[in-house]
């Protein structure tokens, strides 16, 4: 089970840190990703981190967002800096629930999802 938190209302240029905490299962071995969904749009990939710290980012957030994990706390973080109004969305964390040698970036690769946390960036 995944629990996302940390969303809120901020101004353009501000920062937020989202957290995704896992309970149960063998979280430590699995890639964990962040996705987001804006109103009227499809859910899209944001970032992913492997069990050993390898990362991949969507081009739209590269250089502004940083994904990290603390396996001892079963938590993955998404540090979001220089936020823009177009970052406004519900943010979801998810895990594939199995070991993968590659970094999953497709929506259909993910099996377990947390509830969303809303991020709203005002201009």
N, C-alpha and C. Protein backbone atom coordinates (compact mmCIF):
# COMPACT_ATOMS: atom_id res chain seq x y z
N UNK A 1 0.85 -1.18 0.00
CA UNK A 1 0.00 0.00 0.00
C UNK A 1 0.89 1.24 0.00
N UNK A 2 0.55 2.21 -0.86
CA UNK A 2 1.34 3.43 -0.97
C UNK A 2 0.52 4.62 -0.52
N UNK A 3 1.16 5.54 0.17
CA UNK A 3 0.50 6.74 0.68
C UNK A 3 1.30 7.95 0.23
N UNK A 4 0.69 8.79 -0.61
CA UNK A 4 1.34 10.00 -1.08
C UNK A 4 0.89 11.19 -0.24
N UNK A 5 1.81 12.12 -0.01
CA UNK A 5 1.48 13.31 0.76
C UNK A 5 2.41 14.44 0.36
N UNK A 6 2.11 15.64 0.85
CA UNK A 6 2.99 16.78 0.64
C UNK A 6 2.51 17.81 -0.36
N UNK A 7 1.38 17.55 -1.00
CA UNK A 7 0.87 18.51 -1.96
C UNK A 7 0.38 19.79 -1.28
N UNK A 8 0.07 20.79 -2.10
CA UNK A 8 -0.43 22.03 -1.56
C UNK A 8 -0.56 23.09 -2.62
N UNK A 9 -0.88 24.29 -2.17
CA UNK A 9 -1.03 25.45 -3.05
C UNK A 9 0.19 26.35 -2.88
N UNK A 10 0.91 26.58 -3.97
CA UNK A 10 2.11 27.41 -3.93
C UNK A 10 2.09 28.38 -5.10
N UNK A 11 3.03 29.32 -5.08
CA UNK A 11 3.16 30.27 -6.17
C UNK A 11 4.24 29.80 -7.15
N UNK A 12 4.16 30.30 -8.34
CA UNK A 12 5.17 29.96 -9.34
C UNK A 12 6.56 30.32 -8.80
N UNK A 13 7.50 29.39 -9.00
CA UNK A 13 8.86 29.58 -8.51
C UNK A 13 9.12 28.95 -7.16
N UNK A 14 8.06 28.58 -6.46
CA UNK A 14 8.22 27.95 -5.15
C UNK A 14 8.62 26.48 -5.28
N UNK A 15 8.83 25.86 -4.13
CA UNK A 15 9.21 24.45 -4.07
C UNK A 15 8.24 23.67 -3.19
N UNK A 16 8.16 22.39 -3.47
CA UNK A 16 7.39 21.45 -2.65
C UNK A 16 8.12 20.12 -2.64
N UNK A 17 7.95 19.37 -1.57
CA UNK A 17 8.48 18.01 -1.54
C UNK A 17 7.35 17.04 -1.27
N UNK A 18 7.14 16.14 -2.19
CA UNK A 18 6.16 15.10 -2.03
C UNK A 18 6.81 13.85 -1.44
N UNK A 19 6.03 13.12 -0.65
CA UNK A 19 6.50 11.87 -0.07
C UNK A 19 5.57 10.74 -0.46
N UNK A 20 6.14 9.57 -0.64
CA UNK A 20 5.38 8.37 -0.93
C UNK A 20 5.88 7.29 0.00
N UNK A 21 5.04 6.89 0.93
CA UNK A 21 5.45 5.91 1.94
C UNK A 21 4.73 4.59 1.70
N UNK A 22 5.50 3.51 1.75
CA UNK A 22 4.95 2.18 1.51
C UNK A 22 4.78 1.42 2.80
N UNK A 23 3.72 0.66 2.87
CA UNK A 23 3.51 -0.23 4.01
C UNK A 23 3.23 -1.63 3.47
N UNK A 24 3.87 -2.60 4.08
CA UNK A 24 3.69 -3.97 3.61
C UNK A 24 4.51 -4.24 2.36
N UNK A 25 4.77 -5.46 2.06
CA UNK A 25 5.48 -5.82 0.84
C UNK A 25 6.98 -5.58 0.94
N UNK A 26 7.66 -5.88 -0.12
CA UNK A 26 9.11 -5.74 -0.17
C UNK A 26 9.45 -4.50 -1.01
N UNK A 27 9.12 -3.37 -0.48
CA UNK A 27 9.29 -2.10 -1.18
C UNK A 27 10.72 -1.88 -1.64
N UNK A 28 11.66 -2.34 -0.84
CA UNK A 28 13.05 -1.98 -1.04
C UNK A 28 13.58 -2.44 -2.39
N UNK A 29 12.98 -3.48 -2.97
CA UNK A 29 13.52 -4.05 -4.20
C UNK A 29 12.91 -3.49 -5.47
N UNK A 30 11.92 -2.62 -5.35
CA UNK A 30 11.13 -2.26 -6.52
C UNK A 30 11.34 -0.81 -6.97
N UNK A 31 11.24 -0.59 -8.29
CA UNK A 31 11.22 0.79 -8.77
C UNK A 31 9.93 1.47 -8.30
N UNK A 32 10.04 2.76 -8.01
CA UNK A 32 8.87 3.56 -7.62
C UNK A 32 8.83 4.79 -8.52
N UNK A 33 7.67 5.07 -9.06
CA UNK A 33 7.53 6.20 -9.95
C UNK A 33 6.51 7.20 -9.46
N UNK A 34 6.65 8.41 -9.99
CA UNK A 34 5.65 9.47 -9.79
C UNK A 34 5.01 9.78 -11.14
N UNK A 35 3.71 9.93 -11.11
CA UNK A 35 2.94 10.34 -12.27
C UNK A 35 2.08 11.53 -11.86
N UNK A 36 1.54 12.24 -12.84
CA UNK A 36 0.63 13.34 -12.52
C UNK A 36 -0.48 13.39 -13.55
N UNK A 37 -1.59 13.93 -13.11
CA UNK A 37 -2.75 14.05 -13.99
C UNK A 37 -3.42 15.38 -13.75
N UNK A 38 -3.42 16.21 -14.79
CA UNK A 38 -4.10 17.49 -14.74
C UNK A 38 -5.54 17.30 -15.21
N UNK A 39 -6.44 18.19 -14.81
CA UNK A 39 -7.85 18.06 -15.22
C UNK A 39 -7.99 18.00 -16.74
N UNK A 40 -8.72 17.01 -17.21
CA UNK A 40 -8.96 16.88 -18.64
C UNK A 40 -7.81 16.28 -19.42
N UNK A 41 -6.75 15.87 -18.72
CA UNK A 41 -5.59 15.31 -19.42
C UNK A 41 -5.32 13.89 -18.94
N UNK A 42 -4.53 13.18 -19.71
CA UNK A 42 -4.16 11.82 -19.32
C UNK A 42 -3.07 11.85 -18.25
N UNK A 43 -3.02 10.79 -17.50
CA UNK A 43 -1.96 10.66 -16.50
C UNK A 43 -0.63 10.50 -17.22
N UNK A 44 0.39 11.23 -16.75
CA UNK A 44 1.68 11.20 -17.42
C UNK A 44 2.81 10.91 -16.45
N UNK A 45 3.84 10.33 -17.01
CA UNK A 45 5.04 9.99 -16.24
C UNK A 45 5.78 11.25 -15.83
N UNK A 46 6.29 11.24 -14.60
CA UNK A 46 7.09 12.37 -14.10
C UNK A 46 8.53 11.92 -13.81
N UNK A 47 8.67 10.88 -12.99
CA UNK A 47 10.01 10.44 -12.59
C UNK A 47 9.92 9.03 -12.02
N UNK A 48 11.05 8.34 -12.04
CA UNK A 48 11.13 7.00 -11.48
C UNK A 48 12.50 6.80 -10.85
N UNK A 49 12.55 5.99 -9.83
CA UNK A 49 13.82 5.64 -9.18
C UNK A 49 13.86 4.14 -8.96
N UNK A 50 15.01 3.55 -9.26
CA UNK A 50 15.18 2.12 -9.08
C UNK A 50 15.54 1.82 -7.62
N UNK A 51 15.62 0.54 -7.31
CA UNK A 51 15.94 0.16 -5.95
C UNK A 51 17.34 0.63 -5.54
N UNK A 52 18.22 0.78 -6.54
CA UNK A 52 19.60 1.16 -6.24
C UNK A 52 19.89 2.63 -6.60
N UNK A 53 18.84 3.42 -6.81
CA UNK A 53 19.03 4.85 -6.96
C UNK A 53 19.15 5.39 -8.37
N UNK A 54 19.03 4.55 -9.37
CA UNK A 54 19.04 5.07 -10.75
C UNK A 54 17.72 5.81 -10.99
N UNK A 55 17.80 6.90 -11.77
CA UNK A 55 16.62 7.74 -11.97
C UNK A 55 16.38 8.06 -13.44
N UNK A 56 15.14 8.40 -13.72
CA UNK A 56 14.77 8.89 -15.04
C UNK A 56 13.66 9.92 -14.86
N UNK A 57 13.68 10.95 -15.73
CA UNK A 57 12.72 12.04 -15.59
C UNK A 57 12.05 12.35 -16.93
N UNK A 58 10.84 12.86 -16.84
CA UNK A 58 10.20 13.42 -18.02
C UNK A 58 10.94 14.69 -18.41
N UNK A 59 11.00 14.97 -19.69
CA UNK A 59 11.72 16.16 -20.15
C UNK A 59 11.16 17.43 -19.52
N UNK A 60 9.87 17.46 -19.26
CA UNK A 60 9.23 18.67 -18.75
C UNK A 60 9.64 19.03 -17.33
N UNK A 61 10.22 18.07 -16.60
CA UNK A 61 10.61 18.35 -15.22
C UNK A 61 12.11 18.20 -14.99
N UNK A 62 12.82 17.77 -16.01
CA UNK A 62 14.27 17.54 -15.87
C UNK A 62 14.96 18.84 -15.46
N UNK A 63 15.81 18.75 -14.46
CA UNK A 63 16.52 19.92 -13.97
C UNK A 63 15.78 20.68 -12.88
N UNK A 64 14.50 20.40 -12.71
CA UNK A 64 13.70 21.08 -11.68
C UNK A 64 13.25 20.12 -10.57
N UNK A 65 12.96 18.88 -10.95
CA UNK A 65 12.49 17.90 -9.98
C UNK A 65 13.59 16.89 -9.70
N UNK A 66 13.62 16.39 -8.46
CA UNK A 66 14.57 15.36 -8.07
C UNK A 66 13.84 14.28 -7.30
N UNK A 67 14.01 13.04 -7.74
CA UNK A 67 13.41 11.91 -7.04
C UNK A 67 14.50 11.22 -6.23
N UNK A 68 14.15 10.80 -5.03
CA UNK A 68 15.12 10.12 -4.17
C UNK A 68 14.35 9.11 -3.31
N UNK A 69 15.07 8.24 -2.65
CA UNK A 69 14.40 7.26 -1.81
C UNK A 69 15.22 6.98 -0.56
N UNK A 70 14.50 6.64 0.49
CA UNK A 70 15.10 6.19 1.75
C UNK A 70 14.51 4.83 2.02
N UNK A 71 15.24 3.79 1.64
CA UNK A 71 14.70 2.43 1.76
C UNK A 71 14.45 2.04 3.22
N UNK A 72 15.24 2.58 4.13
CA UNK A 72 15.05 2.26 5.55
C UNK A 72 13.70 2.77 6.04
N UNK A 73 13.22 3.84 5.42
CA UNK A 73 11.93 4.40 5.80
C UNK A 73 10.83 4.02 4.81
N UNK A 74 11.17 3.20 3.83
CA UNK A 74 10.19 2.80 2.79
C UNK A 74 9.50 4.03 2.20
N UNK A 75 10.29 5.05 1.91
CA UNK A 75 9.74 6.31 1.42
C UNK A 75 10.50 6.79 0.20
N UNK A 76 9.75 7.28 -0.77
CA UNK A 76 10.31 7.92 -1.95
C UNK A 76 9.87 9.38 -1.94
N UNK A 77 10.78 10.26 -2.28
CA UNK A 77 10.51 11.69 -2.27
C UNK A 77 10.56 12.25 -3.69
N UNK A 78 9.79 13.29 -3.91
CA UNK A 78 9.88 14.06 -5.14
C UNK A 78 10.04 15.52 -4.76
N UNK A 79 11.27 16.00 -4.88
CA UNK A 79 11.56 17.41 -4.61
C UNK A 79 11.27 18.21 -5.87
N UNK A 80 10.37 19.16 -5.76
CA UNK A 80 9.94 19.94 -6.92
C UNK A 80 10.33 21.39 -6.71
N UNK A 81 11.25 21.87 -7.53
CA UNK A 81 11.71 23.25 -7.44
C UNK A 81 11.27 24.04 -8.67
N UNK A 82 11.32 25.34 -8.57
CA UNK A 82 10.95 26.22 -9.68
C UNK A 82 9.62 25.81 -10.31
N UNK A 83 8.65 25.64 -9.46
CA UNK A 83 7.35 25.16 -9.93
C UNK A 83 6.69 26.16 -10.87
N UNK A 84 5.97 25.61 -11.84
CA UNK A 84 5.28 26.42 -12.85
C UNK A 84 3.78 26.11 -12.79
N UNK A 85 2.96 27.02 -13.25
CA UNK A 85 1.51 26.73 -13.27
C UNK A 85 1.17 25.44 -14.01
N UNK A 86 1.94 25.12 -15.04
CA UNK A 86 1.66 23.89 -15.80
C UNK A 86 2.02 22.63 -15.03
N UNK A 87 2.63 22.76 -13.85
CA UNK A 87 2.88 21.60 -12.98
C UNK A 87 1.65 21.26 -12.14
N UNK A 88 0.63 22.10 -12.20
CA UNK A 88 -0.59 21.85 -11.44
C UNK A 88 -1.23 20.55 -11.87
N UNK A 89 -1.44 19.65 -10.90
CA UNK A 89 -1.99 18.32 -11.19
C UNK A 89 -2.14 17.56 -9.89
N UNK A 90 -2.84 16.45 -9.97
CA UNK A 90 -2.82 15.47 -8.90
C UNK A 90 -1.62 14.56 -9.14
N UNK A 91 -0.79 14.39 -8.15
CA UNK A 91 0.43 13.59 -8.27
C UNK A 91 0.22 12.25 -7.58
N UNK A 92 0.61 11.19 -8.29
CA UNK A 92 0.44 9.83 -7.81
C UNK A 92 1.78 9.11 -7.77
N UNK A 93 2.00 8.33 -6.72
CA UNK A 93 3.15 7.44 -6.73
C UNK A 93 2.67 6.02 -6.99
N UNK A 94 3.55 5.22 -7.53
CA UNK A 94 3.19 3.87 -7.90
C UNK A 94 4.43 3.00 -7.93
N UNK A 95 4.21 1.71 -7.80
CA UNK A 95 5.31 0.77 -7.92
C UNK A 95 4.90 -0.39 -8.83
N UNK A 96 5.88 -0.94 -9.49
CA UNK A 96 5.61 -2.09 -10.36
C UNK A 96 5.40 -3.36 -9.54
N UNK A 97 5.89 -3.35 -8.28
CA UNK A 97 5.65 -4.50 -7.42
C UNK A 97 6.52 -5.71 -7.72
N UNK A 98 7.57 -5.49 -8.48
CA UNK A 98 8.49 -6.60 -8.76
C UNK A 98 9.84 -6.01 -9.13
N UNK A 99 10.85 -6.84 -9.08
CA UNK A 99 12.18 -6.38 -9.46
C UNK A 99 12.22 -6.16 -10.97
N UNK A 100 12.85 -5.06 -11.39
CA UNK A 100 13.06 -4.79 -12.80
C UNK A 100 14.47 -4.27 -13.01
N UNK A 101 15.13 -4.77 -14.03
CA UNK A 101 16.48 -4.32 -14.34
C UNK A 101 16.45 -2.94 -15.01
N UNK A 102 15.37 -2.66 -15.72
CA UNK A 102 15.24 -1.37 -16.39
C UNK A 102 14.34 -0.44 -15.59
N UNK A 103 14.32 0.82 -15.99
CA UNK A 103 13.48 1.80 -15.31
C UNK A 103 12.14 1.92 -16.03
N UNK A 104 11.06 1.57 -15.38
CA UNK A 104 9.75 1.65 -16.03
C UNK A 104 9.24 3.08 -16.10
N UNK A 105 8.80 3.46 -17.30
CA UNK A 105 8.27 4.81 -17.48
C UNK A 105 6.86 4.80 -18.04
N UNK A 106 6.34 3.66 -18.42
CA UNK A 106 4.99 3.55 -18.98
C UNK A 106 3.98 3.31 -17.88
N UNK A 107 2.84 3.93 -18.05
CA UNK A 107 1.74 3.80 -17.09
C UNK A 107 1.36 2.35 -16.87
N UNK A 108 1.31 1.56 -17.94
CA UNK A 108 0.82 0.19 -17.84
C UNK A 108 1.82 -0.76 -17.20
N UNK A 109 3.01 -0.27 -16.90
CA UNK A 109 3.98 -1.12 -16.22
C UNK A 109 3.76 -1.15 -14.71
N UNK A 110 2.97 -0.20 -14.22
CA UNK A 110 2.80 -0.04 -12.78
C UNK A 110 1.55 -0.75 -12.29
N UNK A 111 1.71 -1.46 -11.19
CA UNK A 111 0.62 -2.31 -10.69
C UNK A 111 -0.05 -1.74 -9.45
N UNK A 112 0.71 -1.11 -8.58
CA UNK A 112 0.17 -0.63 -7.31
C UNK A 112 0.27 0.89 -7.26
N UNK A 113 -0.85 1.52 -6.92
CA UNK A 113 -0.94 2.97 -6.94
C UNK A 113 -1.36 3.51 -5.59
N UNK A 114 -0.81 4.65 -5.23
CA UNK A 114 -1.29 5.37 -4.07
C UNK A 114 -2.38 6.33 -4.48
N UNK A 115 -3.00 6.96 -3.49
CA UNK A 115 -3.99 7.99 -3.81
C UNK A 115 -3.23 9.24 -4.23
N UNK A 116 -3.85 10.13 -4.91
CA UNK A 116 -3.17 11.32 -5.38
C UNK A 116 -3.04 12.38 -4.30
N UNK A 117 -2.06 13.26 -4.50
CA UNK A 117 -1.93 14.44 -3.67
C UNK A 117 -1.91 15.64 -4.62
N UNK A 118 -2.72 16.63 -4.32
CA UNK A 118 -2.93 17.74 -5.25
C UNK A 118 -1.83 18.80 -5.11
N UNK A 119 -1.28 19.18 -6.25
CA UNK A 119 -0.33 20.28 -6.30
C UNK A 119 -0.94 21.36 -7.19
N UNK A 120 -1.07 22.56 -6.64
CA UNK A 120 -1.61 23.68 -7.39
C UNK A 120 -0.61 24.82 -7.36
N UNK A 121 -0.21 25.28 -8.55
CA UNK A 121 0.77 26.34 -8.66
C UNK A 121 0.10 27.55 -9.29
N UNK A 122 0.05 28.62 -8.55
CA UNK A 122 -0.58 29.84 -9.05
C UNK A 122 0.46 30.74 -9.71
N UNK A 123 0.02 31.49 -10.69
CA UNK A 123 0.95 32.37 -11.43
C UNK A 123 1.08 33.73 -10.77
